[in-house]
């Protein structure tokens, strides 16, 4: 769809951007950005790492589902 307007596109499609809730979690020592789909299930959106080996792990590829439990972090 083409929309010819001077209004910023972010104002027009604001609802779509607001519905996605992304969180940052640490999984196996790797920082990930994920979307929650259920209480204990998340889908990987992106990997936040500088280590190339993390990007080769099929378990961490974007779109992968991870089941997790919350554990307190050590100080």
N, C-alpha and C. Protein backbone atom coordinates (compact mmCIF):
# COMPACT_ATOMS: atom_id res chain seq x y z
N UNK A 1 0.84 -1.16 0.00
CA UNK A 1 0.00 0.00 0.00
C UNK A 1 0.89 1.23 0.00
N UNK A 2 0.55 2.19 -0.83
CA UNK A 2 1.27 3.45 -0.88
C UNK A 2 0.40 4.51 -0.22
N UNK A 3 1.00 5.23 0.68
CA UNK A 3 0.29 6.26 1.42
C UNK A 3 0.99 7.59 1.16
N UNK A 4 0.31 8.49 0.48
CA UNK A 4 0.89 9.80 0.17
C UNK A 4 0.44 10.78 1.24
N UNK A 5 1.31 11.05 2.19
CA UNK A 5 0.98 11.94 3.30
C UNK A 5 2.25 12.56 3.86
N UNK A 6 2.09 13.68 4.55
CA UNK A 6 3.22 14.30 5.20
C UNK A 6 3.36 13.83 6.64
N UNK A 7 2.40 13.02 7.09
CA UNK A 7 2.42 12.50 8.46
C UNK A 7 3.48 11.41 8.56
N UNK A 8 4.23 11.44 9.66
CA UNK A 8 5.29 10.46 9.88
C UNK A 8 4.69 9.04 9.91
N UNK A 9 5.33 8.11 9.24
CA UNK A 9 4.82 6.74 9.17
C UNK A 9 4.75 6.07 10.53
N UNK A 10 5.59 6.50 11.48
CA UNK A 10 5.54 5.91 12.82
C UNK A 10 4.25 6.26 13.54
N UNK A 11 3.66 7.40 13.24
CA UNK A 11 2.38 7.77 13.84
C UNK A 11 1.23 6.97 13.24
N UNK A 12 1.33 6.67 11.96
CA UNK A 12 0.27 5.93 11.28
C UNK A 12 0.24 4.47 11.72
N UNK A 13 1.39 3.85 11.79
CA UNK A 13 1.48 2.43 12.15
C UNK A 13 1.98 2.24 13.57
N UNK A 14 1.63 3.11 14.46
CA UNK A 14 2.11 3.06 15.84
C UNK A 14 1.63 1.81 16.58
N UNK A 15 0.42 1.36 16.32
CA UNK A 15 -0.12 0.18 17.02
C UNK A 15 0.73 -1.05 16.78
N UNK A 16 1.21 -1.25 15.57
CA UNK A 16 2.02 -2.42 15.26
C UNK A 16 3.31 -2.43 16.07
N UNK A 17 3.95 -1.29 16.22
CA UNK A 17 5.20 -1.23 16.95
C UNK A 17 4.98 -1.40 18.45
N UNK A 18 3.85 -0.97 18.98
CA UNK A 18 3.59 -1.06 20.41
C UNK A 18 3.24 -2.47 20.87
N UNK A 19 2.75 -3.31 20.00
CA UNK A 19 2.30 -4.63 20.41
C UNK A 19 3.45 -5.60 20.65
N UNK A 20 4.61 -5.34 20.08
CA UNK A 20 5.76 -6.24 20.25
C UNK A 20 6.52 -5.84 21.50
N UNK A 21 6.62 -6.76 22.46
CA UNK A 21 7.37 -6.50 23.68
C UNK A 21 8.66 -7.32 23.65
N UNK A 22 9.75 -6.63 23.52
CA UNK A 22 11.06 -7.29 23.48
C UNK A 22 11.73 -7.15 24.84
N UNK A 23 12.44 -8.20 25.24
CA UNK A 23 13.18 -8.17 26.49
C UNK A 23 14.59 -8.67 26.22
N UNK A 24 15.50 -8.25 27.06
CA UNK A 24 16.87 -8.76 26.99
C UNK A 24 17.07 -9.74 28.13
N UNK A 25 17.55 -10.93 27.79
CA UNK A 25 17.80 -11.97 28.79
C UNK A 25 19.20 -12.53 28.57
N UNK A 26 19.74 -13.14 29.61
CA UNK A 26 21.00 -13.85 29.49
C UNK A 26 20.70 -15.33 29.52
N UNK A 27 21.07 -16.03 28.47
CA UNK A 27 20.81 -17.47 28.34
C UNK A 27 22.14 -18.15 28.07
N UNK A 28 22.56 -19.03 28.96
CA UNK A 28 23.85 -19.72 28.87
C UNK A 28 25.01 -18.73 28.74
N UNK A 29 24.89 -17.61 29.45
CA UNK A 29 25.94 -16.60 29.44
C UNK A 29 25.96 -15.70 28.22
N UNK A 30 24.94 -15.80 27.37
CA UNK A 30 24.88 -15.02 26.14
C UNK A 30 23.68 -14.08 26.21
N UNK A 31 23.90 -12.82 25.92
CA UNK A 31 22.83 -11.82 25.96
C UNK A 31 21.98 -11.95 24.70
N UNK A 32 20.65 -12.09 24.88
CA UNK A 32 19.72 -12.25 23.77
C UNK A 32 18.59 -11.25 23.88
N UNK A 33 18.05 -10.84 22.75
CA UNK A 33 16.82 -10.06 22.72
C UNK A 33 15.73 -11.03 22.29
N UNK A 34 14.68 -11.16 23.11
CA UNK A 34 13.65 -12.17 22.87
C UNK A 34 12.26 -11.55 22.94
N UNK A 35 11.29 -12.28 22.36
CA UNK A 35 9.87 -11.95 22.46
C UNK A 35 9.19 -13.06 23.24
N UNK A 36 8.41 -12.71 24.23
CA UNK A 36 7.69 -13.71 25.02
C UNK A 36 6.46 -14.18 24.25
N UNK A 37 6.30 -15.52 24.14
CA UNK A 37 5.11 -16.07 23.50
C UNK A 37 4.20 -16.77 24.51
N UNK A 38 4.78 -17.27 25.57
CA UNK A 38 4.04 -17.87 26.68
C UNK A 38 4.77 -17.49 27.96
N UNK A 39 4.25 -17.97 29.09
CA UNK A 39 4.86 -17.59 30.36
C UNK A 39 6.33 -18.01 30.46
N UNK A 40 6.64 -19.24 30.01
CA UNK A 40 8.01 -19.74 30.11
C UNK A 40 8.67 -19.96 28.75
N UNK A 41 8.06 -19.48 27.69
CA UNK A 41 8.63 -19.66 26.35
C UNK A 41 8.89 -18.30 25.71
N UNK A 42 10.05 -18.20 25.09
CA UNK A 42 10.41 -16.99 24.36
C UNK A 42 10.96 -17.38 22.99
N UNK A 43 10.88 -16.45 22.06
CA UNK A 43 11.45 -16.64 20.72
C UNK A 43 12.60 -15.66 20.57
N UNK A 44 13.73 -16.16 20.10
CA UNK A 44 14.92 -15.33 19.93
C UNK A 44 14.68 -14.33 18.80
N UNK A 45 14.88 -13.05 19.08
CA UNK A 45 14.76 -12.01 18.07
C UNK A 45 16.14 -11.68 17.51
N UNK A 46 17.13 -11.54 18.39
CA UNK A 46 18.51 -11.31 17.94
C UNK A 46 19.49 -11.66 19.05
N UNK A 47 20.73 -11.86 18.66
CA UNK A 47 21.81 -12.16 19.59
C UNK A 47 22.60 -10.87 19.80
N UNK A 48 22.88 -10.55 21.06
CA UNK A 48 23.67 -9.36 21.37
C UNK A 48 25.03 -9.85 21.88
N UNK A 49 25.93 -10.08 20.94
CA UNK A 49 27.24 -10.65 21.28
C UNK A 49 28.25 -10.27 20.22
N UNK A 50 29.50 -10.21 20.62
CA UNK A 50 30.57 -9.96 19.66
C UNK A 50 31.31 -11.24 19.29
N UNK A 51 30.94 -12.36 19.91
CA UNK A 51 31.60 -13.64 19.63
C UNK A 51 30.93 -14.31 18.43
N UNK A 52 31.65 -14.52 17.33
CA UNK A 52 31.05 -15.14 16.14
C UNK A 52 30.52 -16.55 16.38
N UNK A 53 31.09 -17.28 17.35
CA UNK A 53 30.63 -18.64 17.62
C UNK A 53 29.20 -18.66 18.15
N UNK A 54 28.78 -17.61 18.83
CA UNK A 54 27.41 -17.56 19.33
C UNK A 54 26.40 -17.53 18.18
N UNK A 55 26.77 -16.89 17.08
CA UNK A 55 25.87 -16.80 15.93
C UNK A 55 25.76 -18.12 15.18
N UNK A 56 26.71 -19.02 15.38
CA UNK A 56 26.69 -20.32 14.71
C UNK A 56 25.91 -21.37 15.50
N UNK A 57 25.52 -21.07 16.73
CA UNK A 57 24.78 -22.02 17.56
C UNK A 57 23.33 -22.07 17.08
N UNK A 58 22.86 -23.23 16.56
CA UNK A 58 21.50 -23.33 16.04
C UNK A 58 20.42 -23.10 17.10
N UNK A 59 20.74 -23.33 18.36
CA UNK A 59 19.78 -23.12 19.44
C UNK A 59 19.49 -21.64 19.65
N UNK A 60 20.41 -20.77 19.25
CA UNK A 60 20.28 -19.34 19.49
C UNK A 60 19.91 -18.53 18.25
N UNK A 61 19.66 -19.20 17.14
CA UNK A 61 19.35 -18.47 15.91
C UNK A 61 18.00 -17.76 16.04
N UNK A 62 17.86 -16.58 15.42
CA UNK A 62 16.58 -15.87 15.48
C UNK A 62 15.43 -16.76 15.00
N UNK A 63 14.35 -16.75 15.76
CA UNK A 63 13.20 -17.59 15.47
C UNK A 63 13.16 -18.86 16.31
N UNK A 64 14.26 -19.19 16.96
CA UNK A 64 14.32 -20.38 17.82
C UNK A 64 13.52 -20.14 19.09
N UNK A 65 12.85 -21.18 19.58
CA UNK A 65 12.09 -21.10 20.82
C UNK A 65 12.94 -21.62 21.97
N UNK A 66 12.93 -20.88 23.07
CA UNK A 66 13.67 -21.27 24.26
C UNK A 66 12.69 -21.36 25.42
N UNK A 67 12.75 -22.46 26.16
CA UNK A 67 11.98 -22.62 27.39
C UNK A 67 12.92 -22.35 28.54
N UNK A 68 12.53 -21.46 29.44
CA UNK A 68 13.44 -21.06 30.50
C UNK A 68 12.72 -20.98 31.85
N UNK A 69 13.53 -20.95 32.90
CA UNK A 69 13.04 -20.69 34.24
C UNK A 69 13.86 -19.54 34.80
N UNK A 70 13.25 -18.72 35.61
CA UNK A 70 13.97 -17.59 36.17
C UNK A 70 14.84 -18.06 37.32
N UNK A 71 16.09 -17.61 37.33
CA UNK A 71 17.02 -17.93 38.40
C UNK A 71 17.66 -16.64 38.86
N UNK A 72 17.85 -16.47 40.16
CA UNK A 72 18.49 -15.25 40.64
C UNK A 72 19.93 -15.16 40.19
N UNK A 73 20.38 -13.95 39.89
CA UNK A 73 21.75 -13.74 39.46
C UNK A 73 22.65 -13.64 40.68
N UNK A 74 23.87 -14.11 40.54
CA UNK A 74 24.86 -13.99 41.62
C UNK A 74 25.37 -12.55 41.66
N UNK A 75 25.63 -12.03 42.84
CA UNK A 75 26.12 -10.64 42.94
C UNK A 75 27.53 -10.47 42.44
